[in-house]
Amino acid sequence: MSMNKIILIGNLGKTPELINKGDLTFAKFSLATTSFSKGEKKTTWFNVVAFNKTAAFVGQYLDVGDQVSVVGRMEFSTYEDKNGVTKTSHNVIAENVTSLSSRKTTKQDQKDEPKNFDEPVAFDTDDDLPF
């Protein structure tokens, strides 16, 4: 038996980037977690990717600084950049994102900008994504 599960509680480092590619909707955001060791504060940053309904939630309700819990799995992949250099990508693939910040309005309400969320579709996250 094996398991790849990660549970994080932290704060968004920037406004999530919501991306629609055809029938695929995903959101990317950075998450900062803080720990203390021997009286010193240490911040660890994680790249998080959410898909479909979870991505729509992240895009509509979360913003920079919000505290969230993320349950998901770690994914490591390699890819070649535009210069042909091999890079390694470390991402948390979010299965569940829960807002721990109190927010009475959505980002859409705050900015008065309409957002278009397509109906999410199933996505096989076993494919290597170069980000």
N, C-alpha and C. Protein backbone atom coordinates (compact mmCIF):
# COMPACT_ATOMS: atom_id res chain seq x y z
N MET A 1 0.84 -1.18 0.00
CA MET A 1 0.00 0.00 0.00
C MET A 1 0.88 1.24 0.00
N SER A 2 0.46 2.26 -0.71
CA SER A 2 1.18 3.53 -0.71
C SER A 2 0.18 4.67 -0.64
N MET A 3 0.67 5.83 -0.25
CA MET A 3 -0.21 6.99 -0.12
C MET A 3 0.56 8.25 -0.46
N ASN A 4 -0.09 9.15 -1.16
CA ASN A 4 0.47 10.46 -1.48
C ASN A 4 -0.60 11.48 -1.08
N LYS A 5 -0.52 11.98 0.14
CA LYS A 5 -1.53 12.89 0.67
C LYS A 5 -0.82 14.02 1.39
N ILE A 6 -1.27 15.25 1.14
CA ILE A 6 -0.70 16.40 1.82
C ILE A 6 -1.85 17.27 2.32
N ILE A 7 -1.71 17.77 3.53
CA ILE A 7 -2.70 18.66 4.13
C ILE A 7 -1.95 19.91 4.57
N LEU A 8 -2.39 21.07 4.06
CA LEU A 8 -1.72 22.33 4.34
C LEU A 8 -2.73 23.36 4.85
N ILE A 9 -2.29 24.21 5.75
CA ILE A 9 -3.04 25.39 6.15
C ILE A 9 -2.09 26.56 6.01
N GLY A 10 -2.50 27.56 5.24
CA GLY A 10 -1.62 28.70 5.01
C GLY A 10 -2.38 29.84 4.37
N ASN A 11 -1.61 30.82 3.88
CA ASN A 11 -2.18 32.02 3.28
C ASN A 11 -1.78 32.14 1.82
N LEU A 12 -2.73 32.59 0.98
CA LEU A 12 -2.44 32.77 -0.42
C LEU A 12 -1.42 33.89 -0.60
N GLY A 13 -0.41 33.64 -1.41
CA GLY A 13 0.65 34.61 -1.64
C GLY A 13 0.30 35.65 -2.69
N LYS A 14 -0.66 35.32 -3.56
CA LYS A 14 -1.11 36.27 -4.58
C LYS A 14 -2.50 35.85 -5.02
N THR A 15 -3.16 36.71 -5.77
CA THR A 15 -4.48 36.39 -6.28
C THR A 15 -4.39 35.17 -7.19
N PRO A 16 -5.27 34.17 -7.02
CA PRO A 16 -5.22 32.98 -7.87
C PRO A 16 -5.39 33.31 -9.34
N GLU A 17 -4.71 32.55 -10.17
CA GLU A 17 -4.82 32.71 -11.62
C GLU A 17 -5.78 31.64 -12.13
N LEU A 18 -6.92 32.06 -12.66
CA LEU A 18 -7.92 31.14 -13.19
C LEU A 18 -7.73 31.02 -14.69
N ILE A 19 -7.61 29.78 -15.16
CA ILE A 19 -7.30 29.54 -16.57
C ILE A 19 -8.34 28.60 -17.16
N ASN A 20 -8.86 28.97 -18.32
CA ASN A 20 -9.78 28.13 -19.09
C ASN A 20 -9.08 27.75 -20.38
N LYS A 21 -8.89 26.45 -20.60
CA LYS A 21 -8.31 25.94 -21.84
C LYS A 21 -9.29 24.92 -22.41
N GLY A 22 -10.09 25.37 -23.35
CA GLY A 22 -11.11 24.48 -23.91
C GLY A 22 -12.12 24.11 -22.84
N ASP A 23 -12.26 22.82 -22.62
CA ASP A 23 -13.20 22.32 -21.61
C ASP A 23 -12.57 22.22 -20.23
N LEU A 24 -11.33 22.59 -20.10
CA LEU A 24 -10.59 22.46 -18.84
C LEU A 24 -10.51 23.80 -18.11
N THR A 25 -10.88 23.79 -16.84
CA THR A 25 -10.73 24.97 -15.98
C THR A 25 -9.80 24.60 -14.86
N PHE A 26 -8.76 25.42 -14.64
CA PHE A 26 -7.90 25.20 -13.49
C PHE A 26 -7.44 26.53 -12.92
N ALA A 27 -7.07 26.47 -11.64
CA ALA A 27 -6.58 27.65 -10.94
C ALA A 27 -5.22 27.34 -10.35
N LYS A 28 -4.32 28.31 -10.45
CA LYS A 28 -2.99 28.18 -9.87
C LYS A 28 -2.81 29.27 -8.83
N PHE A 29 -2.23 28.91 -7.69
CA PHE A 29 -1.94 29.91 -6.67
C PHE A 29 -0.79 29.42 -5.80
N SER A 30 -0.16 30.37 -5.12
CA SER A 30 0.92 30.04 -4.20
C SER A 30 0.36 30.09 -2.78
N LEU A 31 0.87 29.20 -1.93
CA LEU A 31 0.41 29.10 -0.56
C LEU A 31 1.61 29.13 0.38
N ALA A 32 1.58 30.02 1.34
CA ALA A 32 2.66 30.14 2.32
C ALA A 32 2.24 29.47 3.63
N THR A 33 3.08 28.59 4.12
CA THR A 33 2.87 28.01 5.44
C THR A 33 4.00 28.47 6.35
N THR A 34 3.72 28.53 7.64
CA THR A 34 4.72 29.02 8.59
C THR A 34 4.94 27.97 9.67
N SER A 35 6.20 27.75 10.00
CA SER A 35 6.55 26.86 11.11
C SER A 35 7.62 27.56 11.94
N PHE A 36 7.81 27.05 13.15
CA PHE A 36 8.80 27.61 14.05
C PHE A 36 9.73 26.51 14.51
N SER A 37 11.02 26.79 14.50
CA SER A 37 12.03 25.84 14.97
C SER A 37 13.08 26.61 15.75
N LYS A 38 13.26 26.23 16.99
CA LYS A 38 14.23 26.89 17.86
C LYS A 38 14.00 28.40 17.92
N GLY A 39 12.74 28.79 17.98
CA GLY A 39 12.39 30.20 18.09
C GLY A 39 12.45 30.98 16.80
N GLU A 40 12.82 30.33 15.70
CA GLU A 40 12.91 31.03 14.41
C GLU A 40 11.71 30.68 13.54
N LYS A 41 11.18 31.70 12.90
CA LYS A 41 10.04 31.54 12.00
C LYS A 41 10.54 31.13 10.62
N LYS A 42 9.90 30.11 10.03
CA LYS A 42 10.28 29.66 8.70
C LYS A 42 9.03 29.59 7.83
N THR A 43 9.07 30.25 6.67
CA THR A 43 7.97 30.22 5.72
C THR A 43 8.33 29.29 4.57
N THR A 44 7.42 28.38 4.25
CA THR A 44 7.59 27.46 3.13
C THR A 44 6.49 27.75 2.11
N TRP A 45 6.88 27.87 0.85
CA TRP A 45 5.94 28.18 -0.23
C TRP A 45 5.62 26.94 -1.03
N PHE A 46 4.34 26.80 -1.38
CA PHE A 46 3.87 25.68 -2.19
C PHE A 46 3.12 26.24 -3.40
N ASN A 47 3.33 25.62 -4.56
CA ASN A 47 2.53 25.90 -5.75
C ASN A 47 1.35 24.94 -5.73
N VAL A 48 0.14 25.49 -5.85
CA VAL A 48 -1.07 24.67 -5.78
C VAL A 48 -1.84 24.82 -7.09
N VAL A 49 -2.37 23.69 -7.58
CA VAL A 49 -3.20 23.68 -8.77
C VAL A 49 -4.51 22.99 -8.42
N ALA A 50 -5.63 23.64 -8.74
CA ALA A 50 -6.96 23.08 -8.50
C ALA A 50 -7.69 22.99 -9.83
N PHE A 51 -8.54 22.00 -9.99
CA PHE A 51 -9.25 21.78 -11.24
C PHE A 51 -10.77 21.86 -11.04
N ASN A 52 -11.45 22.13 -12.12
CA ASN A 52 -12.90 22.04 -12.24
C ASN A 52 -13.64 22.85 -11.18
N LYS A 53 -14.54 22.23 -10.41
CA LYS A 53 -15.35 22.96 -9.43
C LYS A 53 -14.48 23.59 -8.35
N THR A 54 -13.43 22.91 -7.96
CA THR A 54 -12.53 23.47 -6.95
C THR A 54 -11.85 24.72 -7.52
N ALA A 55 -11.46 24.68 -8.78
CA ALA A 55 -10.85 25.85 -9.42
C ALA A 55 -11.83 27.01 -9.49
N ALA A 56 -13.09 26.72 -9.81
CA ALA A 56 -14.10 27.77 -9.88
C ALA A 56 -14.29 28.42 -8.51
N PHE A 57 -14.31 27.61 -7.44
CA PHE A 57 -14.42 28.14 -6.08
C PHE A 57 -13.24 29.04 -5.76
N VAL A 58 -12.04 28.56 -6.04
CA VAL A 58 -10.82 29.33 -5.77
C VAL A 58 -10.87 30.66 -6.53
N GLY A 59 -11.21 30.61 -7.80
CA GLY A 59 -11.24 31.82 -8.62
C GLY A 59 -12.29 32.82 -8.17
N GLN A 60 -13.42 32.33 -7.67
CA GLN A 60 -14.51 33.23 -7.31
C GLN A 60 -14.39 33.78 -5.90
N TYR A 61 -13.89 32.99 -4.95
CA TYR A 61 -13.97 33.38 -3.55
C TYR A 61 -12.64 33.74 -2.88
N LEU A 62 -11.51 33.33 -3.44
CA LEU A 62 -10.25 33.53 -2.73
C LEU A 62 -9.42 34.66 -3.32
N ASP A 63 -8.63 35.29 -2.45
CA ASP A 63 -7.78 36.39 -2.88
C ASP A 63 -6.49 36.37 -2.06
N VAL A 64 -5.54 37.19 -2.44
CA VAL A 64 -4.25 37.27 -1.77
C VAL A 64 -4.47 37.48 -0.26
N GLY A 65 -3.72 36.74 0.55
CA GLY A 65 -3.78 36.88 2.00
C GLY A 65 -4.78 35.98 2.67
N ASP A 66 -5.76 35.45 1.93
CA ASP A 66 -6.77 34.60 2.55
C ASP A 66 -6.14 33.33 3.13
N GLN A 67 -6.65 32.91 4.28
CA GLN A 67 -6.19 31.67 4.88
C GLN A 67 -7.07 30.52 4.39
N VAL A 68 -6.44 29.43 3.97
CA VAL A 68 -7.15 28.27 3.45
C VAL A 68 -6.54 26.98 3.97
N SER A 69 -7.33 25.92 3.91
CA SER A 69 -6.78 24.59 4.07
C SER A 69 -6.84 23.91 2.71
N VAL A 70 -5.80 23.17 2.39
CA VAL A 70 -5.72 22.46 1.12
C VAL A 70 -5.42 20.99 1.42
N VAL A 71 -6.23 20.12 0.86
CA VAL A 71 -5.99 18.68 0.94
C VAL A 71 -5.76 18.21 -0.48
N GLY A 72 -4.66 17.49 -0.69
CA GLY A 72 -4.35 17.04 -2.04
C GLY A 72 -3.19 16.09 -2.05
N ARG A 73 -2.47 16.09 -3.16
CA ARG A 73 -1.31 15.21 -3.31
C ARG A 73 -0.17 15.99 -3.95
N MET A 74 1.05 15.58 -3.69
CA MET A 74 2.22 16.19 -4.31
C MET A 74 2.47 15.54 -5.66
N GLU A 75 2.82 16.37 -6.62
CA GLU A 75 3.15 15.87 -7.95
C GLU A 75 4.45 16.50 -8.40
N PHE A 76 5.36 15.68 -8.85
CA PHE A 76 6.66 16.12 -9.32
C PHE A 76 6.77 15.75 -10.80
N SER A 77 7.19 16.69 -11.61
CA SER A 77 7.35 16.41 -13.03
C SER A 77 8.53 17.20 -13.57
N THR A 78 9.02 16.78 -14.72
CA THR A 78 10.09 17.49 -15.39
C THR A 78 9.60 17.90 -16.78
N TYR A 79 10.16 18.99 -17.27
CA TYR A 79 9.82 19.49 -18.59
C TYR A 79 10.99 20.31 -19.10
N GLU A 80 10.97 20.60 -20.39
CA GLU A 80 12.00 21.44 -21.00
C GLU A 80 11.44 22.83 -21.20
N ASP A 81 12.20 23.86 -20.78
CA ASP A 81 11.76 25.23 -21.00
C ASP A 81 12.05 25.63 -22.45
N LYS A 82 11.73 26.87 -22.80
CA LYS A 82 11.88 27.31 -24.19
C LYS A 82 13.33 27.31 -24.66
N ASN A 83 14.28 27.28 -23.72
CA ASN A 83 15.70 27.24 -24.07
C ASN A 83 16.26 25.83 -24.09
N GLY A 84 15.38 24.83 -23.90
CA GLY A 84 15.82 23.44 -23.91
C GLY A 84 16.40 22.95 -22.60
N VAL A 85 16.30 23.74 -21.54
CA VAL A 85 16.83 23.36 -20.23
C VAL A 85 15.77 22.54 -19.49
N THR A 86 16.16 21.40 -18.93
CA THR A 86 15.25 20.56 -18.18
C THR A 86 14.97 21.19 -16.82
N LYS A 87 13.70 21.35 -16.51
CA LYS A 87 13.25 21.93 -15.24
C LYS A 87 12.42 20.90 -14.49
N THR A 88 12.38 21.07 -13.17
CA THR A 88 11.55 20.23 -12.32
C THR A 88 10.44 21.07 -11.72
N SER A 89 9.24 20.54 -11.75
CA SER A 89 8.08 21.24 -11.21
C SER A 89 7.54 20.46 -10.01
N HIS A 90 7.25 21.17 -8.92
CA HIS A 90 6.68 20.59 -7.71
C HIS A 90 5.35 21.28 -7.46
N ASN A 91 4.26 20.54 -7.53
CA ASN A 91 2.94 21.13 -7.35
C ASN A 91 2.10 20.30 -6.39
N VAL A 92 1.25 20.98 -5.65
CA VAL A 92 0.22 20.30 -4.88
C VAL A 92 -1.02 20.30 -5.77
N ILE A 93 -1.54 19.12 -6.07
CA ILE A 93 -2.77 19.00 -6.82
C ILE A 93 -3.90 18.95 -5.79
N ALA A 94 -4.69 20.01 -5.74
CA ALA A 94 -5.71 20.16 -4.69
C ALA A 94 -6.92 19.30 -5.00
N GLU A 95 -7.31 18.50 -4.01
CA GLU A 95 -8.56 17.75 -4.10
C GLU A 95 -9.67 18.52 -3.40
N ASN A 96 -9.28 19.31 -2.40
CA ASN A 96 -10.25 20.10 -1.65
C ASN A 96 -9.57 21.36 -1.15
N VAL A 97 -10.23 22.50 -1.31
CA VAL A 97 -9.75 23.78 -0.79
C VAL A 97 -10.88 24.38 0.04
N THR A 98 -10.58 24.73 1.28
CA THR A 98 -11.57 25.32 2.18
C THR A 98 -11.08 26.67 2.65
N SER A 99 -11.93 27.68 2.53
CA SER A 99 -11.57 29.01 3.01
C SER A 99 -11.69 29.04 4.53
N LEU A 100 -10.67 29.55 5.19
CA LEU A 100 -10.68 29.70 6.64
C LEU A 100 -10.81 31.18 7.02
N SER A 101 -10.88 32.05 6.02
CA SER A 101 -11.05 33.48 6.24
C SER A 101 -12.53 33.81 6.14
N SER A 102 -12.96 34.80 6.93
CA SER A 102 -14.36 35.23 6.81
C SER A 102 -14.45 36.24 5.68
N ARG A 103 -15.35 35.97 4.76
CA ARG A 103 -15.54 36.86 3.61
C ARG A 103 -17.02 36.81 3.26
N LYS A 104 -17.67 37.94 3.27
CA LYS A 104 -19.11 37.98 3.02
C LYS A 104 -19.44 38.17 1.56
N THR A 105 -18.49 38.64 0.76
CA THR A 105 -18.75 38.85 -0.66
C THR A 105 -17.71 38.11 -1.47
N THR A 106 -18.05 37.84 -2.71
CA THR A 106 -17.10 37.19 -3.59
C THR A 106 -16.18 38.24 -4.18
N LYS A 107 -15.09 37.81 -4.77
CA LYS A 107 -14.22 38.75 -5.48
C LYS A 107 -14.99 39.42 -6.60
N GLN A 108 -15.90 38.70 -7.22
CA GLN A 108 -16.70 39.27 -8.30
C GLN A 108 -17.52 40.44 -7.78
N ASP A 109 -18.15 40.28 -6.61
CA ASP A 109 -18.93 41.37 -6.04
C ASP A 109 -18.05 42.57 -5.72
N GLN A 110 -16.84 42.30 -5.22
CA GLN A 110 -15.94 43.37 -4.83
C GLN A 110 -15.47 44.19 -6.02
N LYS A 111 -15.23 43.54 -7.15
CA LYS A 111 -14.66 44.21 -8.31
C LYS A 111 -15.73 44.62 -9.33
N ASP A 112 -16.96 44.14 -9.13
CA ASP A 112 -18.04 44.42 -10.08
C ASP A 112 -17.68 44.02 -11.49
N GLU A 113 -16.91 42.94 -11.63
CA GLU A 113 -16.54 42.43 -12.93
C GLU A 113 -17.21 41.07 -13.12
N PRO A 114 -17.89 40.88 -14.24
CA PRO A 114 -18.50 39.56 -14.45
C PRO A 114 -17.43 38.51 -14.72
N LYS A 115 -17.64 37.33 -14.20
CA LYS A 115 -16.74 36.22 -14.46
C LYS A 115 -17.51 35.14 -15.16
N ASN A 116 -16.88 34.45 -16.08
CA ASN A 116 -17.53 33.39 -16.82
C ASN A 116 -16.90 32.07 -16.44
N PHE A 117 -17.67 31.21 -15.77
CA PHE A 117 -17.18 29.89 -15.40
C PHE A 117 -17.93 28.87 -16.22
N ASP A 118 -17.21 28.16 -17.06
CA ASP A 118 -17.82 27.08 -17.82
C ASP A 118 -18.11 25.92 -16.88
N GLU A 119 -19.06 25.09 -17.26
CA GLU A 119 -19.35 23.90 -16.48
C GLU A 119 -18.11 23.03 -16.48
N PRO A 120 -17.61 22.63 -15.30
CA PRO A 120 -16.39 21.84 -15.24
C PRO A 120 -16.58 20.45 -15.85
N VAL A 121 -15.48 19.91 -16.32
CA VAL A 121 -15.49 18.57 -16.90
C VAL A 121 -14.45 17.71 -16.21
N ALA A 122 -14.58 16.41 -16.39
CA ALA A 122 -13.61 15.48 -15.79
C ALA A 122 -12.25 15.71 -16.43
N PHE A 123 -11.20 15.56 -15.63
CA PHE A 123 -9.84 15.77 -16.12
C PHE A 123 -8.93 14.73 -15.50
N ASP A 124 -8.14 14.09 -16.33
CA ASP A 124 -7.18 13.10 -15.86
C ASP A 124 -5.92 13.84 -15.43
N THR A 125 -5.68 13.96 -14.11
CA THR A 125 -4.53 14.72 -13.61
C THR A 125 -3.25 13.90 -13.59
N ASP A 126 -3.27 12.70 -14.19
CA ASP A 126 -2.05 11.89 -14.24
C ASP A 126 -1.11 12.38 -15.34
N ASP A 127 -1.61 13.21 -16.27
CA ASP A 127 -0.75 13.76 -17.31
C ASP A 127 0.22 14.76 -16.71
N ASP A 128 1.44 14.82 -17.26
CA ASP A 128 2.41 15.79 -16.81
C ASP A 128 2.05 17.16 -17.34
N LEU A 129 1.94 18.14 -16.46
CA LEU A 129 1.65 19.51 -16.86
C LEU A 129 2.89 20.35 -16.62
N PRO A 130 3.36 21.10 -17.60
CA PRO A 130 4.62 21.84 -17.46
C PRO A 130 4.46 23.18 -16.75
N PHE A 131 4.03 23.17 -15.48
CA PHE A 131 4.01 24.39 -14.67
C PHE A 131 4.20 24.05 -13.25
